[in-house]
């Protein structure tokens, strides 16, 4: 039974959905109750984020299900290209905001580099990552999951932008006008 759990695509989609709902509930807590989330140890948050937002897109391509009818050389080229784009975006964006901006006290709003053309490049990089894994391992289930997975970040971004507006105020409003798109790069 347990072996069937790990290879069943619905198990991983279920893990994602449960984690996603928990995340949205925690992010939408009223101001007074939001102090509870600040008491959660950083280690537990990282483990939760890993199992909710990373593991499903890594494991889903290896689960049972139909395969994309694409020749292996094409799958390798497209998959590795998408993964490379994802990792490049992640590396560049992470260098621009710092390793762990959450651990710092108030920081300056980052508006240069990738943040000059898209407001949330780290979230944007999740799309090519999920699609790259799906194509690389020719998984139909993973490819179908990658689309709603990518767009589900819009709700997380909504809560993050509420906090950014609270923290940076008018400066963030000006930045939002200059960079109108959350996940799709602005063509300069």
N, C-alpha and C. Protein backbone atom coordinates (compact mmCIF):
# COMPACT_ATOMS: atom_id res chain seq x y z
N UNK A 1 0.82 -1.20 0.00
CA UNK A 1 0.00 0.00 0.00
C UNK A 1 0.87 1.26 0.00
N UNK A 2 1.90 1.29 0.88
CA UNK A 2 2.76 2.47 0.96
C UNK A 2 3.52 2.67 -0.34
N UNK A 3 3.96 1.58 -0.96
CA UNK A 3 4.66 1.67 -2.24
C UNK A 3 3.74 2.28 -3.30
N UNK A 4 2.47 1.90 -3.28
CA UNK A 4 1.50 2.44 -4.22
C UNK A 4 1.30 3.95 -3.98
N UNK A 5 1.38 4.38 -2.73
CA UNK A 5 1.22 5.80 -2.39
C UNK A 5 2.28 6.64 -3.12
N UNK A 6 3.53 6.21 -3.09
CA UNK A 6 4.64 6.99 -3.65
C UNK A 6 4.58 7.05 -5.17
N UNK A 7 4.00 6.05 -5.80
CA UNK A 7 3.97 6.03 -7.26
C UNK A 7 2.65 6.54 -7.84
N UNK A 8 1.71 6.86 -6.99
CA UNK A 8 0.41 7.35 -7.43
C UNK A 8 0.47 8.87 -7.61
N UNK A 9 0.23 9.39 -8.81
CA UNK A 9 0.31 10.84 -9.02
C UNK A 9 -0.68 11.62 -8.16
N UNK A 10 -1.84 11.03 -7.86
CA UNK A 10 -2.82 11.73 -7.03
C UNK A 10 -2.31 11.96 -5.61
N UNK A 11 -1.42 11.09 -5.12
CA UNK A 11 -0.82 11.29 -3.80
C UNK A 11 -0.04 12.59 -3.76
N UNK A 12 0.77 12.82 -4.77
CA UNK A 12 1.62 14.01 -4.80
C UNK A 12 0.81 15.27 -5.08
N UNK A 13 -0.21 15.16 -5.90
CA UNK A 13 -1.09 16.30 -6.14
C UNK A 13 -1.85 16.60 -4.85
N UNK A 14 -2.26 15.57 -4.12
CA UNK A 14 -2.93 15.75 -2.83
C UNK A 14 -2.04 16.42 -1.81
N UNK A 15 -0.78 15.99 -1.73
CA UNK A 15 0.18 16.62 -0.80
C UNK A 15 0.31 18.09 -1.14
N UNK A 16 0.42 18.40 -2.42
CA UNK A 16 0.55 19.79 -2.83
C UNK A 16 -0.70 20.59 -2.43
N UNK A 17 -1.87 20.06 -2.73
CA UNK A 17 -3.11 20.79 -2.44
C UNK A 17 -3.31 21.01 -0.95
N UNK A 18 -3.02 20.01 -0.14
CA UNK A 18 -3.15 20.16 1.31
C UNK A 18 -2.16 21.22 1.81
N UNK A 19 -0.92 21.12 1.38
CA UNK A 19 0.08 22.12 1.79
C UNK A 19 -0.26 23.51 1.32
N UNK A 20 -0.78 23.60 0.11
CA UNK A 20 -1.16 24.89 -0.46
C UNK A 20 -2.29 25.51 0.36
N UNK A 21 -3.30 24.73 0.69
CA UNK A 21 -4.42 25.24 1.49
C UNK A 21 -3.94 25.68 2.87
N UNK A 22 -3.07 24.89 3.50
CA UNK A 22 -2.52 25.27 4.80
C UNK A 22 -1.77 26.60 4.67
N UNK A 23 -0.98 26.74 3.62
CA UNK A 23 -0.22 27.98 3.40
C UNK A 23 -1.16 29.17 3.26
N UNK A 24 -2.20 29.04 2.46
CA UNK A 24 -3.14 30.14 2.24
C UNK A 24 -3.86 30.49 3.54
N UNK A 25 -4.25 29.49 4.31
CA UNK A 25 -4.92 29.75 5.60
C UNK A 25 -3.99 30.53 6.53
N UNK A 26 -2.74 30.10 6.61
CA UNK A 26 -1.78 30.78 7.49
C UNK A 26 -1.53 32.21 7.01
N UNK A 27 -1.38 32.39 5.70
CA UNK A 27 -1.12 33.73 5.17
C UNK A 27 -2.32 34.66 5.32
N UNK A 28 -3.51 34.10 5.38
CA UNK A 28 -4.70 34.94 5.47
C UNK A 28 -5.18 35.17 6.91
N UNK A 29 -4.38 34.73 7.88
CA UNK A 29 -4.75 34.96 9.28
C UNK A 29 -4.86 36.46 9.56
N UNK A 30 -5.82 36.85 10.39
CA UNK A 30 -5.92 38.26 10.76
C UNK A 30 -4.64 38.74 11.44
N UNK A 31 -4.44 40.03 11.44
CA UNK A 31 -3.20 40.65 11.97
C UNK A 31 -2.80 40.09 13.33
N UNK A 32 -3.74 40.00 14.26
CA UNK A 32 -3.42 39.52 15.61
C UNK A 32 -2.95 38.08 15.64
N UNK A 33 -3.58 37.22 14.86
CA UNK A 33 -3.21 35.80 14.84
C UNK A 33 -1.97 35.53 14.00
N UNK A 34 -1.59 36.47 13.14
CA UNK A 34 -0.43 36.24 12.27
C UNK A 34 0.86 36.14 13.07
N UNK A 35 0.84 36.58 14.33
CA UNK A 35 2.04 36.45 15.18
C UNK A 35 2.37 35.00 15.45
N UNK A 36 1.35 34.14 15.33
CA UNK A 36 1.56 32.70 15.54
C UNK A 36 2.56 32.17 14.52
N UNK A 37 2.43 32.59 13.27
CA UNK A 37 3.33 32.06 12.24
C UNK A 37 4.77 32.49 12.46
N UNK A 38 4.98 33.61 13.16
CA UNK A 38 6.35 34.05 13.45
C UNK A 38 7.02 33.17 14.50
N UNK A 39 6.23 32.38 15.23
CA UNK A 39 6.78 31.51 16.26
C UNK A 39 7.14 30.13 15.73
N UNK A 40 6.78 29.84 14.49
CA UNK A 40 7.10 28.54 13.90
C UNK A 40 8.59 28.52 13.58
N UNK A 41 9.31 27.50 14.03
CA UNK A 41 10.76 27.44 13.75
C UNK A 41 11.04 27.44 12.24
N UNK A 42 12.07 28.18 11.85
CA UNK A 42 12.44 28.30 10.43
C UNK A 42 12.69 26.94 9.79
N UNK A 43 13.28 26.02 10.55
CA UNK A 43 13.56 24.69 10.03
C UNK A 43 12.26 24.00 9.60
N UNK A 44 11.22 24.07 10.43
CA UNK A 44 9.94 23.44 10.09
C UNK A 44 9.31 24.10 8.88
N UNK A 45 9.45 25.39 8.76
CA UNK A 45 8.92 26.10 7.60
C UNK A 45 9.62 25.63 6.33
N UNK A 46 10.94 25.49 6.39
CA UNK A 46 11.69 25.03 5.22
C UNK A 46 11.31 23.61 4.82
N UNK A 47 11.14 22.73 5.80
CA UNK A 47 10.72 21.35 5.51
C UNK A 47 9.34 21.35 4.88
N UNK A 48 8.42 22.13 5.44
CA UNK A 48 7.06 22.22 4.92
C UNK A 48 7.07 22.74 3.48
N UNK A 49 7.81 23.80 3.22
CA UNK A 49 7.89 24.37 1.87
C UNK A 49 8.49 23.35 0.90
N UNK A 50 9.52 22.64 1.33
CA UNK A 50 10.14 21.64 0.47
C UNK A 50 9.14 20.55 0.07
N UNK A 51 8.42 20.01 1.07
CA UNK A 51 7.48 18.92 0.77
C UNK A 51 6.23 19.40 0.04
N UNK A 52 5.85 20.67 0.22
CA UNK A 52 4.65 21.17 -0.44
C UNK A 52 4.94 21.68 -1.84
N UNK A 53 5.98 22.47 -2.02
CA UNK A 53 6.18 23.17 -3.28
C UNK A 53 7.30 22.60 -4.16
N UNK A 54 8.17 21.77 -3.60
CA UNK A 54 9.29 21.24 -4.39
C UNK A 54 9.12 19.75 -4.69
N UNK A 55 8.86 18.95 -3.67
CA UNK A 55 8.78 17.50 -3.86
C UNK A 55 7.76 17.07 -4.91
N UNK A 56 6.54 17.62 -4.94
CA UNK A 56 5.60 17.13 -5.97
C UNK A 56 6.11 17.31 -7.40
N UNK A 57 6.77 18.43 -7.70
CA UNK A 57 7.22 18.61 -9.08
C UNK A 57 8.47 17.78 -9.39
N UNK A 58 9.19 17.35 -8.36
CA UNK A 58 10.34 16.48 -8.58
C UNK A 58 9.91 15.03 -8.71
N UNK A 59 8.96 14.60 -7.88
CA UNK A 59 8.56 13.20 -7.84
C UNK A 59 7.49 12.87 -8.87
N UNK A 60 6.59 13.80 -9.16
CA UNK A 60 5.46 13.53 -10.05
C UNK A 60 5.87 12.94 -11.41
N UNK A 61 6.97 13.40 -12.03
CA UNK A 61 7.35 12.79 -13.32
C UNK A 61 7.68 11.30 -13.23
N UNK A 62 7.99 10.81 -12.03
CA UNK A 62 8.37 9.40 -11.86
C UNK A 62 7.20 8.52 -11.46
N UNK A 63 6.02 9.09 -11.30
CA UNK A 63 4.86 8.31 -10.90
C UNK A 63 4.27 7.57 -12.09
N UNK A 64 3.32 6.69 -11.78
CA UNK A 64 2.64 5.93 -12.84
C UNK A 64 1.78 6.87 -13.67
N UNK A 65 1.62 6.52 -14.92
CA UNK A 65 0.76 7.33 -15.78
C UNK A 65 1.27 7.33 -17.20
N UNK A 66 0.50 7.95 -18.08
CA UNK A 66 0.88 7.98 -19.49
C UNK A 66 2.09 8.87 -19.71
N UNK A 67 2.76 8.61 -20.79
CA UNK A 67 3.97 9.35 -21.15
C UNK A 67 3.70 10.24 -22.35
N UNK A 68 4.38 11.38 -22.41
CA UNK A 68 4.27 12.30 -23.53
C UNK A 68 4.93 11.63 -24.74
N UNK A 69 4.25 11.67 -25.85
CA UNK A 69 4.77 11.05 -27.07
C UNK A 69 5.74 12.02 -27.74
N UNK A 70 6.95 12.05 -27.22
CA UNK A 70 8.00 12.91 -27.76
C UNK A 70 9.28 12.07 -27.77
N UNK A 71 10.05 12.15 -28.83
CA UNK A 71 11.30 11.37 -28.87
C UNK A 71 12.24 11.78 -27.73
N UNK A 72 12.96 10.81 -27.21
CA UNK A 72 13.85 11.06 -26.08
C UNK A 72 14.85 12.19 -26.34
N UNK A 73 15.49 12.28 -27.51
CA UNK A 73 16.43 13.40 -27.72
C UNK A 73 15.73 14.77 -27.60
N UNK A 74 14.52 14.88 -28.13
CA UNK A 74 13.79 16.15 -28.03
C UNK A 74 13.41 16.42 -26.57
N UNK A 75 13.00 15.37 -25.84
CA UNK A 75 12.66 15.53 -24.43
C UNK A 75 13.87 16.01 -23.63
N UNK A 76 15.02 15.44 -23.94
CA UNK A 76 16.26 15.86 -23.25
C UNK A 76 16.58 17.33 -23.53
N UNK A 77 16.52 17.72 -24.79
CA UNK A 77 16.86 19.10 -25.17
C UNK A 77 15.89 20.09 -24.54
N UNK A 78 14.59 19.84 -24.71
CA UNK A 78 13.59 20.78 -24.18
C UNK A 78 13.60 20.78 -22.66
N UNK A 79 13.63 19.59 -22.06
CA UNK A 79 13.61 19.49 -20.60
C UNK A 79 14.80 20.16 -19.95
N UNK A 80 15.99 19.86 -20.45
CA UNK A 80 17.21 20.45 -19.86
C UNK A 80 17.25 21.95 -20.11
N UNK A 81 16.77 22.41 -21.26
CA UNK A 81 16.72 23.85 -21.53
C UNK A 81 15.80 24.54 -20.53
N UNK A 82 14.61 23.99 -20.31
CA UNK A 82 13.68 24.58 -19.34
C UNK A 82 14.25 24.57 -17.92
N UNK A 83 14.88 23.48 -17.54
CA UNK A 83 15.51 23.41 -16.22
C UNK A 83 16.64 24.43 -16.10
N UNK A 84 17.42 24.56 -17.16
CA UNK A 84 18.51 25.54 -17.16
C UNK A 84 17.99 26.96 -17.01
N UNK A 85 16.91 27.28 -17.73
CA UNK A 85 16.29 28.61 -17.62
C UNK A 85 15.81 28.84 -16.19
N UNK A 86 15.16 27.83 -15.62
CA UNK A 86 14.66 27.94 -14.25
C UNK A 86 15.80 28.20 -13.26
N UNK A 87 16.85 27.42 -13.34
CA UNK A 87 17.96 27.57 -12.41
C UNK A 87 18.70 28.90 -12.62
N UNK A 88 18.83 29.33 -13.85
CA UNK A 88 19.47 30.62 -14.13
C UNK A 88 18.66 31.76 -13.50
N UNK A 89 17.34 31.73 -13.69
CA UNK A 89 16.47 32.75 -13.08
C UNK A 89 16.60 32.72 -11.57
N UNK A 90 16.57 31.52 -10.98
CA UNK A 90 16.67 31.38 -9.53
C UNK A 90 18.00 31.95 -9.01
N UNK A 91 19.08 31.61 -9.67
CA UNK A 91 20.40 32.06 -9.23
C UNK A 91 20.50 33.58 -9.33
N UNK A 92 20.11 34.14 -10.47
CA UNK A 92 20.19 35.59 -10.64
C UNK A 92 19.30 36.34 -9.64
N UNK A 93 18.07 35.87 -9.49
CA UNK A 93 17.14 36.54 -8.56
C UNK A 93 17.63 36.43 -7.13
N UNK A 94 18.12 35.25 -6.75
CA UNK A 94 18.60 35.05 -5.39
C UNK A 94 19.81 35.93 -5.09
N UNK A 95 20.69 36.09 -6.07
CA UNK A 95 21.86 36.97 -5.89
C UNK A 95 21.42 38.42 -5.69
N UNK A 96 20.32 38.81 -6.35
CA UNK A 96 19.87 40.19 -6.26
C UNK A 96 19.16 40.50 -4.95
N UNK A 97 18.46 39.52 -4.37
CA UNK A 97 17.77 39.78 -3.11
C UNK A 97 18.57 39.33 -1.89
N UNK A 98 19.62 38.57 -2.11
CA UNK A 98 20.39 38.06 -0.98
C UNK A 98 19.96 36.64 -0.65
N UNK A 99 20.80 35.97 0.10
CA UNK A 99 20.56 34.56 0.38
C UNK A 99 19.27 34.35 1.17
N UNK A 100 19.08 35.11 2.22
CA UNK A 100 17.88 34.92 3.04
C UNK A 100 17.37 36.27 3.53
N UNK A 101 16.64 36.99 2.70
CA UNK A 101 16.17 38.31 3.09
C UNK A 101 15.22 38.27 4.28
N UNK A 102 14.59 37.13 4.54
CA UNK A 102 13.67 37.01 5.67
C UNK A 102 14.42 37.15 6.99
N UNK A 103 15.68 36.72 7.02
CA UNK A 103 16.44 36.77 8.26
C UNK A 103 17.00 38.16 8.55
N UNK A 104 17.00 39.04 7.56
CA UNK A 104 17.51 40.39 7.75
C UNK A 104 16.43 41.28 8.35
N UNK A 105 16.86 42.36 8.97
CA UNK A 105 15.87 43.35 9.37
C UNK A 105 15.44 44.08 8.10
N UNK A 106 14.71 45.16 8.23
CA UNK A 106 14.17 45.83 7.05
C UNK A 106 15.27 46.06 6.02
N UNK A 107 14.98 45.63 4.82
CA UNK A 107 15.93 45.77 3.73
C UNK A 107 15.36 46.74 2.70
N UNK A 108 16.21 47.08 1.77
CA UNK A 108 15.78 47.98 0.69
C UNK A 108 15.00 47.15 -0.35
N UNK A 109 13.99 47.76 -0.93
CA UNK A 109 13.20 47.12 -1.98
C UNK A 109 14.09 46.89 -3.20
N UNK A 110 14.14 45.65 -3.68
CA UNK A 110 14.97 45.32 -4.85
C UNK A 110 14.17 45.61 -6.11
N UNK A 111 14.73 46.49 -6.95
CA UNK A 111 14.04 46.89 -8.19
C UNK A 111 14.96 46.82 -9.40
N UNK A 112 16.12 46.22 -9.25
CA UNK A 112 17.09 46.15 -10.34
C UNK A 112 17.23 44.71 -10.82
N UNK A 113 17.95 44.55 -11.91
CA UNK A 113 18.18 43.21 -12.45
C UNK A 113 16.89 42.59 -12.95
N UNK A 114 16.66 41.33 -12.61
CA UNK A 114 15.43 40.65 -13.02
C UNK A 114 14.20 41.33 -12.45
N UNK A 115 14.35 41.93 -11.27
CA UNK A 115 13.21 42.59 -10.62
C UNK A 115 12.79 43.86 -11.36
N UNK A 116 13.56 44.25 -12.34
CA UNK A 116 13.20 45.40 -13.17
C UNK A 116 12.23 45.01 -14.28
N UNK A 117 12.17 43.72 -14.59
CA UNK A 117 11.28 43.27 -15.68
C UNK A 117 10.14 42.36 -15.21
N UNK A 118 10.25 41.80 -14.01
CA UNK A 118 9.18 40.96 -13.45
C UNK A 118 9.23 41.09 -11.93
N UNK A 119 8.07 41.21 -11.30
CA UNK A 119 8.05 41.47 -9.86
C UNK A 119 8.42 40.25 -9.02
N UNK A 120 8.19 39.07 -9.52
CA UNK A 120 8.44 37.86 -8.73
C UNK A 120 9.19 36.80 -9.54
N UNK A 121 10.47 37.06 -9.85
CA UNK A 121 11.21 36.10 -10.69
C UNK A 121 11.40 34.73 -10.03
N UNK A 122 11.51 34.68 -8.71
CA UNK A 122 11.67 33.37 -8.07
C UNK A 122 10.43 32.51 -8.26
N UNK A 123 9.27 33.11 -8.13
CA UNK A 123 8.03 32.36 -8.39
C UNK A 123 7.91 32.03 -9.88
N UNK A 124 8.31 32.97 -10.72
CA UNK A 124 8.25 32.75 -12.16
C UNK A 124 9.10 31.53 -12.56
N UNK A 125 10.21 31.34 -11.88
CA UNK A 125 11.12 30.24 -12.22
C UNK A 125 10.51 28.87 -11.93
N UNK A 126 9.47 28.81 -11.13
CA UNK A 126 8.84 27.53 -10.82
C UNK A 126 8.14 26.92 -12.04
N UNK A 127 7.63 27.76 -12.93
CA UNK A 127 6.97 27.26 -14.14
C UNK A 127 7.91 26.45 -15.02
N UNK A 128 9.04 27.04 -15.45
CA UNK A 128 9.99 26.26 -16.26
C UNK A 128 10.54 25.04 -15.53
N UNK A 129 10.67 25.13 -14.20
CA UNK A 129 11.15 23.98 -13.44
C UNK A 129 10.15 22.82 -13.54
N UNK A 130 8.88 23.11 -13.28
CA UNK A 130 7.86 22.05 -13.33
C UNK A 130 7.70 21.50 -14.74
N UNK A 131 7.66 22.38 -15.74
CA UNK A 131 7.51 21.93 -17.12
C UNK A 131 8.76 21.18 -17.59
N UNK A 132 9.93 21.65 -17.18
CA UNK A 132 11.17 20.99 -17.56
C UNK A 132 11.26 19.57 -17.03
N UNK A 133 10.88 19.38 -15.76
CA UNK A 133 10.88 18.03 -15.19
C UNK A 133 9.88 17.14 -15.92
N UNK A 134 8.70 17.69 -16.21
CA UNK A 134 7.66 16.91 -16.89
C UNK A 134 8.12 16.48 -18.28
N UNK A 135 8.68 17.40 -19.04
CA UNK A 135 9.11 17.07 -20.41
C UNK A 135 10.33 16.16 -20.38
N UNK A 136 11.28 16.44 -19.52
CA UNK A 136 12.50 15.63 -19.43
C UNK A 136 12.18 14.16 -19.18
N UNK A 137 11.20 13.92 -18.31
CA UNK A 137 10.84 12.54 -17.99
C UNK A 137 9.55 12.10 -18.69
N UNK A 138 9.11 12.92 -19.65
CA UNK A 138 7.98 12.63 -20.53
C UNK A 138 6.72 12.21 -19.78
N UNK A 139 6.41 12.91 -18.70
CA UNK A 139 5.25 12.58 -17.87
C UNK A 139 4.06 13.48 -18.20
N UNK A 140 3.00 12.87 -18.68
CA UNK A 140 1.78 13.63 -19.00
C UNK A 140 1.17 14.23 -17.73
N UNK A 141 1.10 13.42 -16.66
CA UNK A 141 0.53 13.93 -15.40
C UNK A 141 1.30 15.14 -14.89
N UNK A 142 2.61 15.06 -14.91
CA UNK A 142 3.43 16.18 -14.42
C UNK A 142 3.25 17.41 -15.30
N UNK A 143 3.14 17.20 -16.61
CA UNK A 143 2.96 18.34 -17.52
C UNK A 143 1.60 19.00 -17.27
N UNK A 144 0.56 18.21 -17.12
CA UNK A 144 -0.76 18.77 -16.83
C UNK A 144 -0.79 19.49 -15.48
N UNK A 145 -0.07 18.95 -14.50
CA UNK A 145 0.00 19.56 -13.17
C UNK A 145 0.79 20.87 -13.20
N UNK A 146 1.77 20.97 -14.08
CA UNK A 146 2.66 22.14 -14.08
C UNK A 146 1.92 23.44 -14.38
N UNK A 147 0.86 23.38 -15.13
CA UNK A 147 0.13 24.60 -15.51
C UNK A 147 -0.62 25.19 -14.31
N UNK A 148 -1.52 24.43 -13.64
CA UNK A 148 -2.16 25.02 -12.46
C UNK A 148 -1.16 25.29 -11.33
N UNK A 149 -0.11 24.47 -11.25
CA UNK A 149 0.93 24.69 -10.24
C UNK A 149 1.55 26.07 -10.41
N UNK A 150 1.90 26.42 -11.64
CA UNK A 150 2.50 27.73 -11.91
C UNK A 150 1.54 28.87 -11.56
N UNK A 151 0.30 28.76 -11.99
CA UNK A 151 -0.65 29.83 -11.75
C UNK A 151 -1.15 29.89 -10.31
N UNK A 152 -0.96 28.81 -9.54
CA UNK A 152 -1.36 28.84 -8.13
C UNK A 152 -0.51 29.82 -7.33
N UNK A 153 0.64 30.17 -7.87
CA UNK A 153 1.50 31.14 -7.18
C UNK A 153 0.86 32.53 -7.14
N UNK A 154 -0.11 32.80 -7.99
CA UNK A 154 -0.75 34.12 -8.00
C UNK A 154 -1.41 34.44 -6.66
N UNK A 155 -2.00 33.45 -6.01
CA UNK A 155 -2.61 33.69 -4.70
C UNK A 155 -1.54 33.94 -3.64
N UNK A 156 -0.45 33.20 -3.70
CA UNK A 156 0.66 33.45 -2.76
C UNK A 156 1.23 34.84 -2.97
N UNK A 157 1.35 35.24 -4.23
CA UNK A 157 1.87 36.57 -4.56
C UNK A 157 0.95 37.65 -4.01
N UNK A 158 -0.35 37.42 -4.07
CA UNK A 158 -1.31 38.38 -3.53
C UNK A 158 -0.99 38.69 -2.06
N UNK A 159 -0.77 37.66 -1.26
CA UNK A 159 -0.45 37.87 0.15
C UNK A 159 0.93 38.49 0.34
N UNK A 160 1.88 38.08 -0.47
CA UNK A 160 3.21 38.67 -0.37
C UNK A 160 3.18 40.16 -0.72
N UNK A 161 2.41 40.51 -1.74
CA UNK A 161 2.34 41.92 -2.14
C UNK A 161 1.63 42.77 -1.10
N UNK A 162 0.68 42.19 -0.38
CA UNK A 162 0.04 42.92 0.73
C UNK A 162 1.09 43.29 1.77
N UNK A 163 1.98 42.34 2.07
CA UNK A 163 3.05 42.61 3.05
C UNK A 163 4.06 43.61 2.51
N UNK A 164 4.39 43.51 1.23
CA UNK A 164 5.33 44.45 0.62
C UNK A 164 4.76 45.86 0.63
N UNK A 165 3.47 45.98 0.37
CA UNK A 165 2.81 47.28 0.38
C UNK A 165 2.82 47.87 1.79
N UNK A 166 2.60 47.00 2.77
CA UNK A 166 2.62 47.44 4.17
C UNK A 166 4.03 47.90 4.56
N UNK A 167 5.04 47.16 4.10
CA UNK A 167 6.42 47.45 4.49
C UNK A 167 7.01 48.64 3.74
N UNK A 168 6.73 48.75 2.43
CA UNK A 168 7.40 49.76 1.61
C UNK A 168 6.48 50.90 1.16
N UNK A 169 5.17 50.73 1.30
CA UNK A 169 4.20 51.79 1.00
C UNK A 169 4.29 52.34 -0.40
N UNK A 170 4.44 53.65 -0.47
CA UNK A 170 4.46 54.39 -1.75
C UNK A 170 5.57 53.91 -2.68
N UNK A 171 6.71 53.56 -2.10
CA UNK A 171 7.83 53.06 -2.91
C UNK A 171 7.41 51.80 -3.68
N UNK A 172 6.67 50.91 -3.01
CA UNK A 172 6.22 49.69 -3.68
C UNK A 172 5.16 49.99 -4.73
N UNK A 173 4.29 50.95 -4.47
CA UNK A 173 3.27 51.33 -5.46
C UNK A 173 3.92 51.85 -6.74
N UNK A 174 4.96 52.68 -6.59
CA UNK A 174 5.69 53.19 -7.77
C UNK A 174 6.36 52.04 -8.52
N UNK A 175 6.96 51.13 -7.77
CA UNK A 175 7.61 49.98 -8.39
C UNK A 175 6.59 49.13 -9.15
N UNK A 176 5.43 48.93 -8.57
CA UNK A 176 4.39 48.13 -9.21
C UNK A 176 3.90 48.75 -10.51
N UNK A 177 3.91 50.08 -10.57
CA UNK A 177 3.51 50.75 -11.81
C UNK A 177 4.58 50.58 -12.89
N UNK A 178 5.86 50.61 -12.48
CA UNK A 178 6.95 50.46 -13.44
C UNK A 178 7.06 49.01 -13.94
N UNK A 179 6.76 48.06 -13.06
CA UNK A 179 6.85 46.64 -13.40
C UNK A 179 5.45 46.05 -13.19
N UNK A 180 4.62 46.11 -14.23
CA UNK A 180 3.21 45.75 -14.05
C UNK A 180 2.92 44.25 -13.93
N UNK A 181 3.85 43.40 -14.33
CA UNK A 181 3.54 41.97 -14.38
C UNK A 181 4.17 41.22 -13.22
N UNK A 182 3.39 40.33 -12.65
CA UNK A 182 3.84 39.55 -11.50
C UNK A 182 4.73 38.38 -11.92
N UNK A 183 4.32 37.65 -12.95
CA UNK A 183 5.02 36.41 -13.32
C UNK A 183 5.53 36.41 -14.75
N UNK A 184 5.08 37.34 -15.55
CA UNK A 184 5.50 37.37 -16.95
C UNK A 184 6.41 38.59 -17.16
N UNK A 185 7.60 38.39 -17.68
CA UNK A 185 8.53 39.51 -17.85
C UNK A 185 7.98 40.61 -18.77
N UNK A 186 8.26 41.84 -18.36
CA UNK A 186 7.88 43.01 -19.18
C UNK A 186 8.92 43.15 -20.28
N UNK A 187 8.45 43.30 -21.49
CA UNK A 187 9.36 43.52 -22.61
C UNK A 187 9.75 45.00 -22.58
N UNK A 188 11.03 45.24 -22.47
CA UNK A 188 11.53 46.61 -22.30
C UNK A 188 11.46 47.37 -23.59
